[in-house]
Amino acid sequence: MVLFIALIGLRLCGQGLMSHISMTIISKYFDKNRGKALSISSLGYSMGEAVFPIIITSVIAFFDWRIAAIVSGVALLLYLIRLKFTNLLDFDKQLSVEGKPSTLSLLKDYKEVVSDKRFGIMMPASFILSFTNTAIFFYQYVFVEDKGWSPQLYAIFFTVYAISRFMFSLFGGTWVDKFSARKMFKVYLIPMTLGLIPFALMDSIIGALLFLITAGITTGMAGTVKTSLIAEIYGTHKMGAIRSVFTMFMVISTALGPLLVGFMIDSGFDFHTIILGLFGAMFLISINSQRIMNVTKTTSAF
């Protein structure tokens, strides 16, 4: 029971809710430069990926994984205590003007979002990116061993992924403000989709490097593009409720990715088949994403 509660807390309140709150607040309170604001706020992901693995692995090496978990929990608790004494009234100004929607109204919103044709264009892109990223990174050293690559060299290459993601988090915000989120949504999956080809087919570890670079490009732009697109298509009046639907499917995809790929590995599927299967799925969804230019911004209250 304790483990179940811990997993719910980590997956829902951590991975899902914390990023959801951050992106929603930024989207609601920045209009003209929304892309740049979202890209700057998302830099925390890249910095965390570059810094925290080193810190946590060092703590585990010198002490124990339990100590590392306790240190992480205490650090979050200290931040929440600080947040408790921070004046957040400015964030409520727009809500006080717009009014808070009722629970019944929010439930109606969820139904309308899921049944809307725009959801069928936007959700698959969000789902497949999280699914593919989590599945590959979860089993990355299994794949590296299968290809006969050096785990040490691959670990060094992973730093390139963090750098690529950091840079394109910034570029993505600028491009969203310049070209619009719709135009960026059409292309942001393409780099990682193409990067899966050398990852699967090249015998050289350079194939892994090319994949990590392209994965960083797509992942760096993803959060800014998707959140800005929701604001462009649906507006910001009920941004939290609408974006939460997409966040829910994202969290589900990160759970399904390792599960399904794990079943494939246990069933005897080789590395090339798995990666090319992911390429095929991303390719089809990239084609589906081109339909976004045909949809119009909602004029309804939701």
C-alpha atoms as a PDB file:
ATOM      1  CA  MET A   1       0.000   0.000   0.000  1.00  0.00           C
ATOM      2  CA  VAL A   2       2.812   2.404   0.882  1.00  0.00           C
ATOM      3  CA  LEU A   3       4.552   1.650  -2.421  1.00  0.00           C
ATOM      4  CA  PHE A   4       1.288   2.200  -4.324  1.00  0.00           C
ATOM      5  CA  ILE A   5       0.756   5.593  -2.656  1.00  0.00           C
ATOM      6  CA  ALA A   6       4.376   6.532  -3.368  1.00  0.00           C
ATOM      7  CA  LEU A   7       4.031   5.630  -7.050  1.00  0.00           C
ATOM      8  CA  ILE A   8       0.788   7.615  -7.367  1.00  0.00           C
ATOM      9  CA  GLY A   9       2.444  10.579  -5.690  1.00  0.00           C
ATOM     10  CA  LEU A  10       5.475  10.440  -7.962  1.00  0.00           C
ATOM     11  CA  ARG A  11       3.623   9.826 -11.226  1.00  0.00           C
ATOM     12  CA  LEU A  12       0.553  12.016 -10.686  1.00  0.00           C
ATOM     13  CA  CYS A  13       1.724  14.834  -8.444  1.00  0.00           C
ATOM     14  CA  GLY A  14       5.318  14.791  -9.666  1.00  0.00           C
ATOM     15  CA  GLN A  15       5.692  14.037 -13.344  1.00  0.00           C
ATOM     16  CA  GLY A  16       2.131  14.974 -14.236  1.00  0.00           C
ATOM     17  CA  LEU A  17       0.942  17.772 -11.961  1.00  0.00           C
ATOM     18  CA  MET A  18       4.104  19.821 -11.385  1.00  0.00           C
ATOM     19  CA  SER A  19       4.840  20.335 -15.080  1.00  0.00           C
ATOM     20  CA  HIS A  20       1.125  20.814 -15.781  1.00  0.00           C
ATOM     21  CA  ILE A  21       0.830  23.643 -13.241  1.00  0.00           C
ATOM     22  CA  SER A  22       3.976  25.346 -14.525  1.00  0.00           C
ATOM     23  CA  MET A  23       2.977  25.235 -18.196  1.00  0.00           C
ATOM     24  CA  THR A  24      -0.611  26.294 -17.460  1.00  0.00           C
ATOM     25  CA  ILE A  25       0.414  29.342 -15.423  1.00  0.00           C
ATOM     26  CA  ILE A  26       2.899  30.483 -18.056  1.00  0.00           C
ATOM     27  CA  SER A  27       0.343  30.038 -20.855  1.00  0.00           C
ATOM     28  CA  LYS A  28      -2.363  31.993 -19.044  1.00  0.00           C
ATOM     29  CA  TYR A  29      -0.211  34.968 -18.064  1.00  0.00           C
ATOM     30  CA  PHE A  30       1.923  35.409 -21.168  1.00  0.00           C
ATOM     31  CA  ASP A  31       0.271  36.168 -24.483  1.00  0.00           C
ATOM     32  CA  LYS A  32       2.556  38.057 -26.855  1.00  0.00           C
ATOM     33  CA  ASN A  33       5.740  36.162 -25.917  1.00  0.00           C
ATOM     34  CA  ARG A  34       4.156  32.919 -24.740  1.00  0.00           C
ATOM     35  CA  GLY A  35       6.588  30.726 -26.689  1.00  0.00           C
ATOM     36  CA  LYS A  36       9.680  32.370 -25.215  1.00  0.00           C
ATOM     37  CA  ALA A  37       8.228  32.267 -21.687  1.00  0.00           C
ATOM     38  CA  LEU A  38       7.392  28.568 -21.977  1.00  0.00           C
ATOM     39  CA  SER A  39      10.809  27.749 -23.409  1.00  0.00           C
ATOM     40  CA  ILE A  40      12.613  29.502 -20.556  1.00  0.00           C
ATOM     41  CA  SER A  41      10.478  27.800 -17.904  1.00  0.00           C
ATOM     42  CA  SER A  42      11.088  24.406 -19.517  1.00  0.00           C
ATOM     43  CA  LEU A  43      14.854  24.768 -19.162  1.00  0.00           C
ATOM     44  CA  GLY A  44      14.450  23.231 -15.725  1.00  0.00           C
ATOM     45  CA  TYR A  45      13.994  19.850 -17.403  1.00  0.00           C
ATOM     46  CA  SER A  46      17.291  20.069 -19.266  1.00  0.00           C
ATOM     47  CA  MET A  47      19.205  21.408 -16.273  1.00  0.00           C
ATOM     48  CA  GLY A  48      17.731  18.715 -14.057  1.00  0.00           C
ATOM     49  CA  GLU A  49      18.691  15.991 -16.534  1.00  0.00           C
ATOM     50  CA  ALA A  50      22.241  17.318 -16.638  1.00  0.00           C
ATOM     51  CA  VAL A  51      22.758  17.889 -12.895  1.00  0.00           C
ATOM     52  CA  PHE A  52      20.584  15.576 -10.799  1.00  0.00           C
ATOM     53  CA  PRO A  53      21.737  12.208 -12.209  1.00  0.00           C
ATOM     54  CA  ILE A  54      25.290  13.120 -11.180  1.00  0.00           C
ATOM     55  CA  ILE A  55      24.173  14.215  -7.705  1.00  0.00           C
ATOM     56  CA  ILE A  56      21.918  11.218  -7.089  1.00  0.00           C
ATOM     57  CA  THR A  57      24.398   8.633  -8.372  1.00  0.00           C
ATOM     58  CA  SER A  58      27.089  10.203  -6.171  1.00  0.00           C
ATOM     59  CA  VAL A  59      24.842   9.985  -3.106  1.00  0.00           C
ATOM     60  CA  ILE A  60      23.996   6.359  -3.932  1.00  0.00           C
ATOM     61  CA  ALA A  61      27.677   5.523  -4.427  1.00  0.00           C
ATOM     62  CA  PHE A  62      28.740   6.997  -1.089  1.00  0.00           C
ATOM     63  CA  PHE A  63      25.668   6.088   0.961  1.00  0.00           C
ATOM     64  CA  ASP A  64      22.592   4.176  -0.231  1.00  0.00           C
ATOM     65  CA  TRP A  65      19.653   4.544  -2.635  1.00  0.00           C
ATOM     66  CA  ARG A  66      17.349   5.070   0.352  1.00  0.00           C
ATOM     67  CA  ILE A  67      19.421   8.051   1.457  1.00  0.00           C
ATOM     68  CA  ALA A  68      19.209   9.444  -2.078  1.00  0.00           C
ATOM     69  CA  ALA A  69      15.408   9.122  -1.993  1.00  0.00           C
ATOM     70  CA  ILE A  70      15.241  10.806   1.429  1.00  0.00           C
ATOM     71  CA  VAL A  71      17.498  13.661   0.285  1.00  0.00           C
ATOM     72  CA  SER A  72      15.273  14.196  -2.772  1.00  0.00           C
ATOM     73  CA  GLY A  73      12.141  14.246  -0.612  1.00  0.00           C
ATOM     74  CA  VAL A  74      13.637  16.681   1.902  1.00  0.00           C
ATOM     75  CA  ALA A  75      14.745  19.020  -0.901  1.00  0.00           C
ATOM     76  CA  LEU A  76      11.189  19.088  -2.296  1.00  0.00           C
ATOM     77  CA  LEU A  77       9.755  19.628   1.168  1.00  0.00           C
ATOM     78  CA  LEU A  78      12.044  22.618   1.771  1.00  0.00           C
ATOM     79  CA  TYR A  79      10.911  24.122  -1.541  1.00  0.00           C
ATOM     80  CA  LEU A  80       7.242  23.657  -0.605  1.00  0.00           C
ATOM     81  CA  ILE A  81       7.846  25.333   2.762  1.00  0.00           C
ATOM     82  CA  ARG A  82       9.404  28.291   0.975  1.00  0.00           C
ATOM     83  CA  LEU A  83       6.467  28.377  -1.453  1.00  0.00           C
ATOM     84  CA  LYS A  84       4.040  28.467   1.480  1.00  0.00           C
ATOM     85  CA  PHE A  85       5.449  31.842   2.515  1.00  0.00           C
ATOM     86  CA  THR A  86       5.555  33.264  -1.013  1.00  0.00           C
ATOM     87  CA  ASN A  87       2.914  35.787  -2.073  1.00  0.00           C
ATOM     88  CA  LEU A  88       1.059  34.209  -5.003  1.00  0.00           C
ATOM     89  CA  LEU A  89      -1.881  36.629  -5.105  1.00  0.00           C
ATOM     90  CA  ASP A  90      -0.779  38.050  -8.467  1.00  0.00           C
ATOM     91  CA  PHE A  91      -1.390  34.658 -10.054  1.00  0.00           C
ATOM     92  CA  ASP A  92      -5.047  34.810  -8.968  1.00  0.00           C
ATOM     93  CA  LYS A  93      -5.869  38.173 -10.548  1.00  0.00           C
ATOM     94  CA  GLN A  94      -6.944  36.782 -13.907  1.00  0.00           C
ATOM     95  CA  LEU A  95      -8.867  33.947 -12.250  1.00  0.00           C
ATOM     96  CA  SER A  96     -10.802  36.430 -10.137  1.00  0.00           C
ATOM     97  CA  VAL A  97     -11.812  38.294 -13.295  1.00  0.00           C
ATOM     98  CA  GLU A  98     -12.688  35.196 -15.328  1.00  0.00           C
ATOM     99  CA  GLY A  99     -14.384  33.347 -12.492  1.00  0.00           C
ATOM    100  CA  LYS A 100     -13.820  29.765 -11.414  1.00  0.00           C
ATOM    101  CA  PRO A 101     -15.653  27.110 -13.466  1.00  0.00           C
ATOM    102  CA  SER A 102     -17.909  24.640 -11.661  1.00  0.00           C
ATOM    103  CA  THR A 103     -17.098  20.933 -11.345  1.00  0.00           C
ATOM    104  CA  LEU A 104     -19.992  20.076 -13.693  1.00  0.00           C
ATOM    105  CA  SER A 105     -18.665  22.543 -16.240  1.00  0.00           C
ATOM    106  CA  LEU A 106     -15.190  20.986 -16.078  1.00  0.00           C
ATOM    107  CA  LEU A 107     -16.583  17.472 -16.583  1.00  0.00           C
ATOM    108  CA  LYS A 108     -18.424  18.735 -19.647  1.00  0.00           C
ATOM    109  CA  ASP A 109     -15.167  20.270 -20.887  1.00  0.00           C
ATOM    110  CA  TYR A 110     -13.344  16.931 -20.619  1.00  0.00           C
ATOM    111  CA  LYS A 111     -16.034  15.223 -22.695  1.00  0.00           C
ATOM    112  CA  GLU A 112     -15.984  17.955 -25.338  1.00  0.00           C
ATOM    113  CA  VAL A 113     -12.187  17.921 -25.602  1.00  0.00           C
ATOM    114  CA  VAL A 114     -11.940  14.141 -26.067  1.00  0.00           C
ATOM    115  CA  SER A 115     -14.755  14.059 -28.644  1.00  0.00           C
ATOM    116  CA  ASP A 116     -13.354  17.037 -30.580  1.00  0.00           C
ATOM    117  CA  LYS A 117     -11.562  16.224 -33.872  1.00  0.00           C
ATOM    118  CA  ARG A 118      -8.659  18.467 -32.894  1.00  0.00           C
ATOM    119  CA  PHE A 119      -7.946  16.133 -29.999  1.00  0.00           C
ATOM    120  CA  GLY A 120      -7.472  13.310 -32.511  1.00  0.00           C
ATOM    121  CA  ILE A 121      -4.752  15.352 -34.187  1.00  0.00           C
ATOM    122  CA  MET A 122      -2.962  16.703 -31.112  1.00  0.00           C
ATOM    123  CA  MET A 123      -3.113  13.822 -28.624  1.00  0.00           C
ATOM    124  CA  PRO A 124      -1.366  11.103 -30.727  1.00  0.00           C
ATOM    125  CA  ALA A 125       1.703  13.323 -31.159  1.00  0.00           C
ATOM    126  CA  SER A 126       1.956  13.905 -27.416  1.00  0.00           C
ATOM    127  CA  PHE A 127       1.327  10.226 -26.686  1.00  0.00           C
ATOM    128  CA  ILE A 128       3.852   8.730 -29.117  1.00  0.00           C
ATOM    129  CA  LEU A 129       6.674  11.084 -28.125  1.00  0.00           C
ATOM    130  CA  SER A 130       6.397  10.249 -24.415  1.00  0.00           C
ATOM    131  CA  PHE A 131       5.841   6.562 -25.222  1.00  0.00           C
ATOM    132  CA  THR A 132       8.934   6.333 -27.433  1.00  0.00           C
ATOM    133  CA  ASN A 133      11.218   8.434 -25.238  1.00  0.00           C
ATOM    134  CA  THR A 134      10.391   6.529 -22.063  1.00  0.00           C
ATOM    135  CA  ALA A 135      10.586   3.103 -23.696  1.00  0.00           C
ATOM    136  CA  ILE A 136      13.972   3.745 -25.306  1.00  0.00           C
ATOM    137  CA  PHE A 137      15.544   5.445 -22.296  1.00  0.00           C
ATOM    138  CA  PHE A 138      14.183   2.760 -19.953  1.00  0.00           C
ATOM    139  CA  TYR A 139      15.853  -0.010 -21.963  1.00  0.00           C
ATOM    140  CA  GLN A 140      18.677   2.033 -23.480  1.00  0.00           C
ATOM    141  CA  TYR A 141      21.480  -0.051 -22.001  1.00  0.00           C
ATOM    142  CA  VAL A 142      19.750  -3.253 -23.105  1.00  0.00           C
ATOM    143  CA  PHE A 143      19.745  -1.838 -26.635  1.00  0.00           C
ATOM    144  CA  VAL A 144      23.357  -0.656 -26.293  1.00  0.00           C
ATOM    145  CA  GLU A 145      24.449  -4.134 -25.203  1.00  0.00           C
ATOM    146  CA  ASP A 146      22.481  -5.725 -28.048  1.00  0.00           C
ATOM    147  CA  LYS A 147      24.324  -3.527 -30.565  1.00  0.00           C
ATOM    148  CA  GLY A 148      27.710  -4.167 -28.940  1.00  0.00           C
ATOM    149  CA  TRP A 149      28.293  -0.478 -28.238  1.00  0.00           C
ATOM    150  CA  SER A 150      30.350   0.940 -25.374  1.00  0.00           C
ATOM    151  CA  PRO A 151      28.077   1.861 -22.412  1.00  0.00           C
ATOM    152  CA  GLN A 152      30.669   4.401 -21.235  1.00  0.00           C
ATOM    153  CA  LEU A 153      30.770   6.166 -24.600  1.00  0.00           C
ATOM    154  CA  TYR A 154      26.977   6.087 -24.826  1.00  0.00           C
ATOM    155  CA  ALA A 155      26.768   7.730 -21.379  1.00  0.00           C
ATOM    156  CA  ILE A 156      29.031  10.517 -22.648  1.00  0.00           C
ATOM    157  CA  PHE A 157      26.832  10.913 -25.729  1.00  0.00           C
ATOM    158  CA  PHE A 158      23.810  11.326 -23.451  1.00  0.00           C
ATOM    159  CA  THR A 159      25.272  14.664 -22.378  1.00  0.00           C
ATOM    160  CA  VAL A 160      24.867  15.736 -26.007  1.00  0.00           C
ATOM    161  CA  TYR A 161      21.158  14.919 -25.691  1.00  0.00           C
ATOM    162  CA  ALA A 162      20.865  17.249 -22.689  1.00  0.00           C
ATOM    163  CA  ILE A 163      22.692  20.023 -24.557  1.00  0.00           C
ATOM    164  CA  SER A 164      20.539  19.532 -27.655  1.00  0.00           C
ATOM    165  CA  ARG A 165      17.362  19.617 -25.595  1.00  0.00           C
ATOM    166  CA  PHE A 166      18.533  22.741 -23.748  1.00  0.00           C
ATOM    167  CA  MET A 167      19.322  24.628 -26.961  1.00  0.00           C
ATOM    168  CA  PHE A 168      16.129  23.708 -28.777  1.00  0.00           C
ATOM    169  CA  SER A 169      14.016  24.532 -25.741  1.00  0.00           C
ATOM    170  CA  LEU A 170      15.114  28.115 -26.378  1.00  0.00           C
ATOM    171  CA  PHE A 171      14.912  27.937 -30.168  1.00  0.00           C
ATOM    172  CA  GLY A 172      11.462  26.346 -29.994  1.00  0.00           C
ATOM    173  CA  GLY A 173       9.998  29.240 -28.030  1.00  0.00           C
ATOM    174  CA  THR A 174      11.384  31.802 -30.461  1.00  0.00           C
ATOM    175  CA  TRP A 175      10.079  29.844 -33.458  1.00  0.00           C
ATOM    176  CA  VAL A 176       6.615  29.458 -31.910  1.00  0.00           C
ATOM    177  CA  ASP A 177       6.362  33.233 -31.463  1.00  0.00           C
ATOM    178  CA  LYS A 178       7.667  33.840 -34.985  1.00  0.00           C
ATOM    179  CA  PHE A 179       5.880  31.165 -37.028  1.00  0.00           C
ATOM    180  CA  SER A 180       2.969  30.052 -34.730  1.00  0.00           C
ATOM    181  CA  ALA A 181       2.506  26.856 -32.739  1.00  0.00           C
ATOM    182  CA  ARG A 182       0.476  25.259 -35.546  1.00  0.00           C
ATOM    183  CA  LYS A 183       3.323  25.435 -38.033  1.00  0.00           C
ATOM    184  CA  MET A 184       5.814  24.142 -35.474  1.00  0.00           C
ATOM    185  CA  PHE A 185       3.462  21.308 -34.510  1.00  0.00           C
ATOM    186  CA  LYS A 186       3.629  20.049 -38.098  1.00  0.00           C
ATOM    187  CA  VAL A 187       7.394  19.551 -37.957  1.00  0.00           C
ATOM    188  CA  TYR A 188       8.558  19.080 -34.369  1.00  0.00           C
ATOM    189  CA  LEU A 189       8.262  15.255 -34.415  1.00  0.00           C
ATOM    190  CA  ILE A 190      10.252  14.919 -37.640  1.00  0.00           C
ATOM    191  CA  PRO A 191      13.830  15.193 -36.227  1.00  0.00           C
ATOM    192  CA  MET A 192      13.392  12.368 -33.708  1.00  0.00           C
ATOM    193  CA  THR A 193      11.434  10.279 -36.209  1.00  0.00           C
ATOM    194  CA  LEU A 194      14.332  10.459 -38.672  1.00  0.00           C
ATOM    195  CA  GLY A 195      16.840   9.869 -35.867  1.00  0.00           C
ATOM    196  CA  LEU A 196      15.334   6.453 -35.173  1.00  0.00           C
ATOM    197  CA  ILE A 197      16.572   5.199 -38.575  1.00  0.00           C
ATOM    198  CA  PRO A 198      20.338   5.404 -37.890  1.00  0.00           C
ATOM    199  CA  PHE A 199      19.703   4.265 -34.314  1.00  0.00           C
ATOM    200  CA  ALA A 200      18.172   1.053 -35.637  1.00  0.00           C
ATOM    201  CA  LEU A 201      20.237   0.403 -38.755  1.00  0.00           C
ATOM    202  CA  MET A 202      23.758   1.714 -38.129  1.00  0.00           C
ATOM    203  CA  ASP A 203      26.296  -0.661 -36.592  1.00  0.00           C
ATOM    204  CA  SER A 204      28.442   2.267 -35.466  1.00  0.00           C
ATOM    205  CA  ILE A 205      27.654   4.000 -32.169  1.00  0.00           C
ATOM    206  CA  ILE A 206      27.402   7.193 -34.233  1.00  0.00           C
ATOM    207  CA  GLY A 207      23.847   5.987 -34.901  1.00  0.00           C
ATOM    208  CA  ALA A 208      23.109   6.404 -31.200  1.00  0.00           C
ATOM    209  CA  LEU A 209      24.677   9.875 -31.228  1.00  0.00           C
ATOM    210  CA  LEU A 210      22.507  10.952 -34.169  1.00  0.00           C
ATOM    211  CA  PHE A 211      19.415   9.655 -32.400  1.00  0.00           C
ATOM    212  CA  LEU A 212      20.245  11.436 -29.134  1.00  0.00           C
ATOM    213  CA  ILE A 213      20.796  14.733 -30.961  1.00  0.00           C
ATOM    214  CA  THR A 214      17.502  14.497 -32.854  1.00  0.00           C
ATOM    215  CA  ALA A 215      15.650  13.294 -29.745  1.00  0.00           C
ATOM    216  CA  GLY A 216      16.950  16.364 -27.923  1.00  0.00           C
ATOM    217  CA  ILE A 217      15.711  18.609 -30.741  1.00  0.00           C
ATOM    218  CA  THR A 218      12.188  17.176 -30.681  1.00  0.00           C
ATOM    219  CA  THR A 219      11.907  16.858 -26.905  1.00  0.00           C
ATOM    220  CA  GLY A 220      13.283  20.360 -26.406  1.00  0.00           C
ATOM    221  CA  MET A 221      10.581  21.890 -28.590  1.00  0.00           C
ATOM    222  CA  ALA A 222       7.761  19.576 -27.503  1.00  0.00           C
ATOM    223  CA  GLY A 223       6.514  21.180 -24.290  1.00  0.00           C
ATOM    224  CA  THR A 224       6.500  24.707 -25.697  1.00  0.00           C
ATOM    225  CA  VAL A 225       4.882  23.700 -28.992  1.00  0.00           C
ATOM    226  CA  LYS A 226       2.126  21.550 -27.458  1.00  0.00           C
ATOM    227  CA  THR A 227       1.177  24.007 -24.714  1.00  0.00           C
ATOM    228  CA  SER A 228       1.232  27.005 -27.072  1.00  0.00           C
ATOM    229  CA  LEU A 229      -0.899  25.063 -29.554  1.00  0.00           C
ATOM    230  CA  ILE A 230      -3.537  24.347 -26.912  1.00  0.00           C
ATOM    231  CA  ALA A 231      -3.657  28.081 -26.156  1.00  0.00           C
ATOM    232  CA  GLU A 232      -3.927  28.923 -29.872  1.00  0.00           C
ATOM    233  CA  ILE A 233      -6.653  26.368 -30.567  1.00  0.00           C
ATOM    234  CA  TYR A 234      -8.730  26.395 -27.383  1.00  0.00           C
ATOM    235  CA  GLY A 235      -7.818  29.722 -25.776  1.00  0.00           C
ATOM    236  CA  THR A 236      -6.628  30.139 -22.180  1.00  0.00           C
ATOM    237  CA  HIS A 237      -9.934  30.528 -20.311  1.00  0.00           C
ATOM    238  CA  LYS A 238      -9.951  26.876 -19.177  1.00  0.00           C
ATOM    239  CA  MET A 239      -6.358  26.089 -19.994  1.00  0.00           C
ATOM    240  CA  GLY A 240      -5.801  23.953 -16.900  1.00  0.00           C
ATOM    241  CA  ALA A 241      -8.766  21.656 -17.504  1.00  0.00           C
ATOM    242  CA  ILE A 242      -8.059  21.199 -21.203  1.00  0.00           C
ATOM    243  CA  ARG A 243      -4.311  20.684 -20.838  1.00  0.00           C
ATOM    244  CA  SER A 244      -4.859  18.179 -18.018  1.00  0.00           C
ATOM    245  CA  VAL A 245      -6.506  15.810 -20.515  1.00  0.00           C
ATOM    246  CA  PHE A 246      -3.350  15.801 -22.636  1.00  0.00           C
ATOM    247  CA  THR A 247      -1.162  15.451 -19.533  1.00  0.00           C
ATOM    248  CA  MET A 248      -3.178  12.421 -18.428  1.00  0.00           C
ATOM    249  CA  PHE A 249      -2.547  10.641 -21.736  1.00  0.00           C
ATOM    250  CA  MET A 250       1.127  11.611 -21.573  1.00  0.00           C
ATOM    251  CA  VAL A 251       1.516  10.005 -18.144  1.00  0.00           C
ATOM    252  CA  ILE A 252      -0.315   6.881 -19.367  1.00  0.00           C
ATOM    253  CA  SER A 253       2.018   6.662 -22.360  1.00  0.00           C
ATOM    254  CA  THR A 254       5.128   6.794 -20.152  1.00  0.00           C
ATOM    255  CA  ALA A 255       3.773   3.819 -18.215  1.00  0.00           C
ATOM    256  CA  LEU A 256       2.787   1.837 -21.317  1.00  0.00           C
ATOM    257  CA  GLY A 257       6.052   2.417 -23.200  1.00  0.00           C
ATOM    258  CA  PRO A 258       8.388   0.364 -20.973  1.00  0.00           C
ATOM    259  CA  LEU A 259       5.651  -2.222 -20.393  1.00  0.00           C
ATOM    260  CA  LEU A 260       4.938  -2.990 -24.055  1.00  0.00           C
ATOM    261  CA  VAL A 261       8.562  -2.793 -25.184  1.00  0.00           C
ATOM    262  CA  GLY A 262       9.505  -5.050 -22.267  1.00  0.00           C
ATOM    263  CA  PHE A 263       6.971  -7.607 -23.481  1.00  0.00           C
ATOM    264  CA  MET A 264       8.456  -7.376 -26.979  1.00  0.00           C
ATOM    265  CA  ILE A 265      11.978  -7.962 -25.655  1.00  0.00           C
ATOM    266  CA  ASP A 266      10.830 -10.948 -23.591  1.00  0.00           C
ATOM    267  CA  SER A 267       8.987 -12.311 -26.639  1.00  0.00           C
ATOM    268  CA  GLY A 268      12.180 -12.364 -28.678  1.00  0.00           C
ATOM    269  CA  PHE A 269      11.818  -9.248 -30.829  1.00  0.00           C
ATOM    270  CA  ASP A 270      15.230  -7.878 -31.753  1.00  0.00           C
ATOM    271  CA  PHE A 271      16.468  -4.307 -31.396  1.00  0.00           C
ATOM    272  CA  HIS A 272      16.002  -3.405 -35.073  1.00  0.00           C
ATOM    273  CA  THR A 273      12.378  -4.568 -35.148  1.00  0.00           C
ATOM    274  CA  ILE A 274      11.424  -2.647 -32.012  1.00  0.00           C
ATOM    275  CA  ILE A 275      13.055   0.617 -33.076  1.00  0.00           C
ATOM    276  CA  LEU A 276      11.734   0.407 -36.644  1.00  0.00           C
ATOM    277  CA  GLY A 277       8.272  -0.273 -35.214  1.00  0.00           C
ATOM    278  CA  LEU A 278       8.551   2.919 -33.169  1.00  0.00           C
ATOM    279  CA  PHE A 279       9.747   4.728 -36.292  1.00  0.00           C
ATOM    280  CA  GLY A 280       6.686   3.524 -38.207  1.00  0.00           C
ATOM    281  CA  ALA A 281       4.337   4.738 -35.472  1.00  0.00           C
ATOM    282  CA  MET A 282       6.016   8.151 -35.260  1.00  0.00           C
ATOM    283  CA  PHE A 283       6.054   8.478 -39.056  1.00  0.00           C
ATOM    284  CA  LEU A 284       2.298   7.855 -39.328  1.00  0.00           C
ATOM    285  CA  ILE A 285       1.530  10.241 -36.469  1.00  0.00           C
ATOM    286  CA  SER A 286       3.773  12.899 -38.043  1.00  0.00           C
ATOM    287  CA  ILE A 287       1.627  12.631 -41.174  1.00  0.00           C
ATOM    288  CA  ASN A 288      -1.521  12.923 -39.052  1.00  0.00           C
ATOM    289  CA  SER A 289      -0.088  16.092 -37.462  1.00  0.00           C
ATOM    290  CA  GLN A 290      -0.142  17.856 -40.843  1.00  0.00           C
ATOM    291  CA  ARG A 291      -3.946  18.099 -40.507  1.00  0.00           C
ATOM    292  CA  ILE A 292      -3.566  20.715 -37.765  1.00  0.00           C
ATOM    293  CA  MET A 293      -3.557  23.558 -40.304  1.00  0.00           C
ATOM    294  CA  ASN A 294      -7.113  22.641 -41.309  1.00  0.00           C
ATOM    295  CA  VAL A 295      -8.632  23.195 -37.864  1.00  0.00           C
ATOM    296  CA  THR A 296      -9.970  26.476 -36.565  1.00  0.00           C
ATOM    297  CA  LYS A 297      -9.772  28.088 -33.150  1.00  0.00           C
ATOM    298  CA  THR A 298     -12.701  27.267 -30.920  1.00  0.00           C
ATOM    299  CA  THR A 299     -15.364  29.915 -30.485  1.00  0.00           C
ATOM    300  CA  SER A 300     -17.182  28.096 -27.691  1.00  0.00           C
ATOM    301  CA  ALA A 301     -16.870  28.839 -24.005  1.00  0.00           C
ATOM    302  CA  PHE A 302     -14.751  25.785 -23.351  1.00  0.00           C
END
